[in-house]
Amino acid sequence: MVTALTILIAINCVLLMLVVLIQNPKGGGIDSTFGGQSANQMFGAAKSTDFIEKITWGLAATLFILCIVTAIIVSGGSAGGSMLESAQ
């Protein structure tokens, strides 16, 4: 189970890197290196930027959730219980 989650996290990270690299740093839409002109004509500049931004936020949220779930599974299901017991 942990291996499958780790693979999902790795795939999510690669996709997140690609989506971030596609974005124009000045906020002007999709970068021309990745077919920005055709994408801007098809979706319109504002819609393509919104779409890429939504994908970025979705992948970031998915990465956050996958990391939390993996940490809980690795710790044995008790997220804070073992730390409290060892402190006493």
N, C-alpha and C. Protein backbone atom coordinates (compact mmCIF):
# COMPACT_ATOMS: atom_id res chain seq x y z
N MET A 1 0.81 -1.19 0.00
CA MET A 1 0.00 0.00 0.00
C MET A 1 0.86 1.26 0.00
N VAL A 2 1.91 1.24 0.82
CA VAL A 2 2.80 2.40 0.89
C VAL A 2 3.53 2.58 -0.44
N THR A 3 3.89 1.47 -1.08
CA THR A 3 4.57 1.56 -2.37
C THR A 3 3.65 2.20 -3.42
N ALA A 4 2.41 1.81 -3.44
CA ALA A 4 1.46 2.38 -4.40
C ALA A 4 1.28 3.87 -4.14
N LEU A 5 1.17 4.27 -2.89
CA LEU A 5 1.02 5.69 -2.56
C LEU A 5 2.28 6.47 -2.94
N THR A 6 3.44 5.87 -2.74
CA THR A 6 4.70 6.53 -3.10
C THR A 6 4.79 6.73 -4.60
N ILE A 7 4.34 5.75 -5.37
CA ILE A 7 4.33 5.88 -6.83
C ILE A 7 3.36 6.98 -7.25
N LEU A 8 2.18 7.03 -6.62
CA LEU A 8 1.22 8.08 -6.92
C LEU A 8 1.77 9.47 -6.59
N ILE A 9 2.49 9.57 -5.49
CA ILE A 9 3.11 10.84 -5.11
C ILE A 9 4.15 11.26 -6.14
N ALA A 10 4.96 10.30 -6.61
CA ALA A 10 5.98 10.61 -7.61
C ALA A 10 5.36 11.08 -8.92
N ILE A 11 4.30 10.39 -9.36
CA ILE A 11 3.62 10.79 -10.60
C ILE A 11 3.00 12.18 -10.44
N ASN A 12 2.39 12.41 -9.28
CA ASN A 12 1.79 13.71 -9.01
C ASN A 12 2.85 14.81 -9.02
N CYS A 13 4.01 14.54 -8.46
CA CYS A 13 5.09 15.54 -8.43
C CYS A 13 5.57 15.88 -9.84
N VAL A 14 5.73 14.87 -10.68
CA VAL A 14 6.18 15.10 -12.05
C VAL A 14 5.14 15.93 -12.81
N LEU A 15 3.87 15.57 -12.66
CA LEU A 15 2.81 16.33 -13.33
C LEU A 15 2.76 17.77 -12.82
N LEU A 16 2.94 17.96 -11.52
CA LEU A 16 2.93 19.30 -10.95
C LEU A 16 4.10 20.13 -11.49
N MET A 17 5.27 19.51 -11.61
CA MET A 17 6.41 20.23 -12.18
C MET A 17 6.14 20.65 -13.63
N LEU A 18 5.57 19.75 -14.42
CA LEU A 18 5.28 20.07 -15.81
C LEU A 18 4.26 21.19 -15.93
N VAL A 19 3.22 21.14 -15.10
CA VAL A 19 2.19 22.18 -15.16
C VAL A 19 2.75 23.53 -14.73
N VAL A 20 3.61 23.54 -13.74
CA VAL A 20 4.21 24.81 -13.29
C VAL A 20 5.14 25.36 -14.36
N LEU A 21 5.89 24.48 -15.04
CA LEU A 21 6.79 24.95 -16.08
C LEU A 21 6.05 25.46 -17.31
N ILE A 22 4.85 24.99 -17.56
CA ILE A 22 4.06 25.46 -18.69
C ILE A 22 3.60 26.89 -18.49
N GLN A 23 3.40 27.28 -17.24
CA GLN A 23 2.86 28.60 -16.96
C GLN A 23 3.86 29.69 -17.33
N ASN A 24 3.33 30.81 -17.80
CA ASN A 24 4.15 31.97 -18.11
C ASN A 24 4.43 32.71 -16.81
N PRO A 25 5.68 33.03 -16.51
CA PRO A 25 5.99 33.67 -15.23
C PRO A 25 5.35 35.06 -15.07
N LYS A 26 5.00 35.72 -16.16
CA LYS A 26 4.39 37.03 -16.06
C LYS A 26 2.87 36.96 -16.02
N GLY A 27 2.30 35.75 -16.04
CA GLY A 27 0.86 35.59 -15.97
C GLY A 27 0.15 35.85 -17.28
N GLY A 28 0.86 35.74 -18.39
CA GLY A 28 0.27 36.06 -19.68
C GLY A 28 -0.34 34.88 -20.39
N GLY A 29 -0.40 33.73 -19.79
CA GLY A 29 -1.01 32.58 -20.44
C GLY A 29 -0.01 31.44 -20.57
N ILE A 30 -0.33 30.53 -21.45
CA ILE A 30 0.52 29.36 -21.65
C ILE A 30 1.77 29.78 -22.39
N ASP A 31 2.89 29.23 -22.00
CA ASP A 31 4.17 29.55 -22.62
C ASP A 31 4.18 29.11 -24.08
N SER A 32 4.79 29.89 -24.93
CA SER A 32 4.79 29.59 -26.36
C SER A 32 5.60 28.34 -26.69
N THR A 33 6.50 27.92 -25.82
CA THR A 33 7.28 26.73 -26.08
C THR A 33 6.40 25.49 -26.18
N PHE A 34 5.33 25.44 -25.43
CA PHE A 34 4.46 24.28 -25.38
C PHE A 34 3.18 24.49 -26.18
N GLY A 35 3.27 25.19 -27.30
CA GLY A 35 2.10 25.38 -28.14
C GLY A 35 1.14 26.40 -27.60
N GLY A 36 1.67 27.47 -27.05
CA GLY A 36 0.84 28.48 -26.42
C GLY A 36 -0.10 29.20 -27.38
N GLN A 37 0.35 29.46 -28.59
CA GLN A 37 -0.50 30.19 -29.53
C GLN A 37 -1.74 29.39 -29.90
N SER A 38 -1.57 28.12 -30.19
CA SER A 38 -2.74 27.31 -30.56
C SER A 38 -3.67 27.12 -29.37
N ALA A 39 -3.11 26.98 -28.17
CA ALA A 39 -3.95 26.82 -26.99
C ALA A 39 -4.70 28.11 -26.68
N ASN A 40 -4.03 29.24 -26.87
CA ASN A 40 -4.70 30.52 -26.63
C ASN A 40 -5.81 30.75 -27.64
N GLN A 41 -5.63 30.30 -28.88
CA GLN A 41 -6.68 30.46 -29.88
C GLN A 41 -7.85 29.53 -29.59
N MET A 42 -7.55 28.34 -29.08
CA MET A 42 -8.61 27.37 -28.85
C MET A 42 -9.43 27.73 -27.61
N PHE A 43 -8.77 28.04 -26.51
CA PHE A 43 -9.47 28.32 -25.26
C PHE A 43 -9.67 29.81 -25.01
N GLY A 44 -8.84 30.63 -25.60
CA GLY A 44 -8.78 32.04 -25.24
C GLY A 44 -7.74 32.19 -24.15
N ALA A 45 -7.06 33.33 -24.09
CA ALA A 45 -5.94 33.50 -23.15
C ALA A 45 -6.39 33.38 -21.70
N ALA A 46 -7.53 33.96 -21.37
CA ALA A 46 -7.97 33.93 -19.97
C ALA A 46 -8.41 32.53 -19.55
N LYS A 47 -9.11 31.83 -20.43
CA LYS A 47 -9.59 30.50 -20.07
C LYS A 47 -8.45 29.49 -19.94
N SER A 48 -7.42 29.59 -20.80
CA SER A 48 -6.30 28.66 -20.70
C SER A 48 -5.52 28.90 -19.42
N THR A 49 -5.37 30.16 -19.03
CA THR A 49 -4.68 30.48 -17.79
C THR A 49 -5.47 29.96 -16.59
N ASP A 50 -6.78 30.14 -16.59
CA ASP A 50 -7.61 29.63 -15.50
C ASP A 50 -7.54 28.11 -15.42
N PHE A 51 -7.56 27.45 -16.58
CA PHE A 51 -7.51 25.99 -16.62
C PHE A 51 -6.20 25.47 -16.04
N ILE A 52 -5.07 26.06 -16.45
CA ILE A 52 -3.76 25.65 -15.95
C ILE A 52 -3.66 25.94 -14.45
N GLU A 53 -4.22 27.05 -14.01
CA GLU A 53 -4.17 27.38 -12.59
C GLU A 53 -4.99 26.40 -11.76
N LYS A 54 -6.15 26.00 -12.28
CA LYS A 54 -6.97 25.02 -11.57
C LYS A 54 -6.27 23.67 -11.50
N ILE A 55 -5.60 23.28 -12.57
CA ILE A 55 -4.84 22.02 -12.55
C ILE A 55 -3.72 22.10 -11.51
N THR A 56 -3.04 23.25 -11.46
CA THR A 56 -1.94 23.42 -10.50
C THR A 56 -2.44 23.28 -9.07
N TRP A 57 -3.54 23.96 -8.75
CA TRP A 57 -4.09 23.88 -7.39
C TRP A 57 -4.60 22.48 -7.08
N GLY A 58 -5.20 21.83 -8.05
CA GLY A 58 -5.70 20.47 -7.84
C GLY A 58 -4.57 19.48 -7.57
N LEU A 59 -3.50 19.60 -8.35
CA LEU A 59 -2.35 18.70 -8.13
C LEU A 59 -1.67 18.99 -6.80
N ALA A 60 -1.59 20.26 -6.42
CA ALA A 60 -0.98 20.61 -5.13
C ALA A 60 -1.80 20.05 -3.97
N ALA A 61 -3.12 20.18 -4.06
CA ALA A 61 -3.99 19.64 -3.01
C ALA A 61 -3.91 18.12 -2.96
N THR A 62 -3.85 17.48 -4.12
CA THR A 62 -3.73 16.03 -4.17
C THR A 62 -2.42 15.57 -3.56
N LEU A 63 -1.34 16.28 -3.85
CA LEU A 63 -0.04 15.95 -3.27
C LEU A 63 -0.08 16.07 -1.75
N PHE A 64 -0.68 17.14 -1.25
CA PHE A 64 -0.79 17.35 0.19
C PHE A 64 -1.56 16.20 0.85
N ILE A 65 -2.69 15.83 0.27
CA ILE A 65 -3.52 14.76 0.83
C ILE A 65 -2.81 13.42 0.77
N LEU A 66 -2.16 13.13 -0.36
CA LEU A 66 -1.43 11.86 -0.48
C LEU A 66 -0.30 11.76 0.54
N CYS A 67 0.40 12.85 0.78
CA CYS A 67 1.49 12.84 1.76
C CYS A 67 0.96 12.61 3.18
N ILE A 68 -0.15 13.25 3.52
CA ILE A 68 -0.75 13.06 4.85
C ILE A 68 -1.21 11.62 5.03
N VAL A 69 -1.90 11.07 4.02
CA VAL A 69 -2.39 9.69 4.10
C VAL A 69 -1.22 8.72 4.22
N THR A 70 -0.16 8.94 3.45
CA THR A 70 1.00 8.05 3.52
C THR A 70 1.66 8.12 4.89
N ALA A 71 1.77 9.31 5.46
CA ALA A 71 2.37 9.45 6.79
C ALA A 71 1.54 8.75 7.85
N ILE A 72 0.22 8.83 7.74
CA ILE A 72 -0.65 8.16 8.71
C ILE A 72 -0.52 6.65 8.58
N ILE A 73 -0.47 6.14 7.34
CA ILE A 73 -0.35 4.69 7.14
C ILE A 73 1.00 4.18 7.64
N VAL A 74 2.07 4.92 7.38
CA VAL A 74 3.40 4.49 7.82
C VAL A 74 3.50 4.50 9.34
N SER A 75 2.86 5.48 9.99
CA SER A 75 2.95 5.56 11.44
C SER A 75 2.07 4.53 12.15
N GLY A 76 1.30 3.79 11.41
CA GLY A 76 0.50 2.73 12.00
C GLY A 76 -0.90 3.16 12.37
N GLY A 77 -1.35 4.28 11.85
CA GLY A 77 -2.72 4.70 12.09
C GLY A 77 -2.89 5.65 13.24
N SER A 78 -1.92 5.76 14.13
CA SER A 78 -2.04 6.70 15.24
C SER A 78 -1.12 7.88 14.96
N ALA A 79 -1.68 8.96 14.48
CA ALA A 79 -0.88 10.11 14.03
C ALA A 79 -0.12 10.76 15.18
N GLY A 80 -0.76 10.99 16.33
CA GLY A 80 -0.08 11.68 17.41
C GLY A 80 0.02 10.87 18.69
N GLY A 81 -0.60 9.72 18.74
CA GLY A 81 -0.64 8.93 19.96
C GLY A 81 0.71 8.44 20.42
N SER A 82 1.56 8.00 19.51
CA SER A 82 2.86 7.47 19.92
C SER A 82 3.77 8.57 20.45
N MET A 83 3.66 9.80 19.95
CA MET A 83 4.48 10.88 20.45
C MET A 83 4.06 11.29 21.85
N LEU A 84 2.76 11.28 22.13
CA LEU A 84 2.29 11.64 23.46
C LEU A 84 2.69 10.59 24.49
N GLU A 85 2.63 9.31 24.10
CA GLU A 85 2.99 8.25 25.03
C GLU A 85 4.47 8.26 25.34
N SER A 86 5.31 8.58 24.36
CA SER A 86 6.75 8.56 24.60
C SER A 86 7.19 9.77 25.43
N ALA A 87 6.40 10.84 25.43
CA ALA A 87 6.75 12.03 26.22
C ALA A 87 6.49 11.82 27.71
N GLN A 88 5.60 10.90 28.04
CA GLN A 88 5.24 10.71 29.44
C GLN A 88 6.17 9.80 30.13
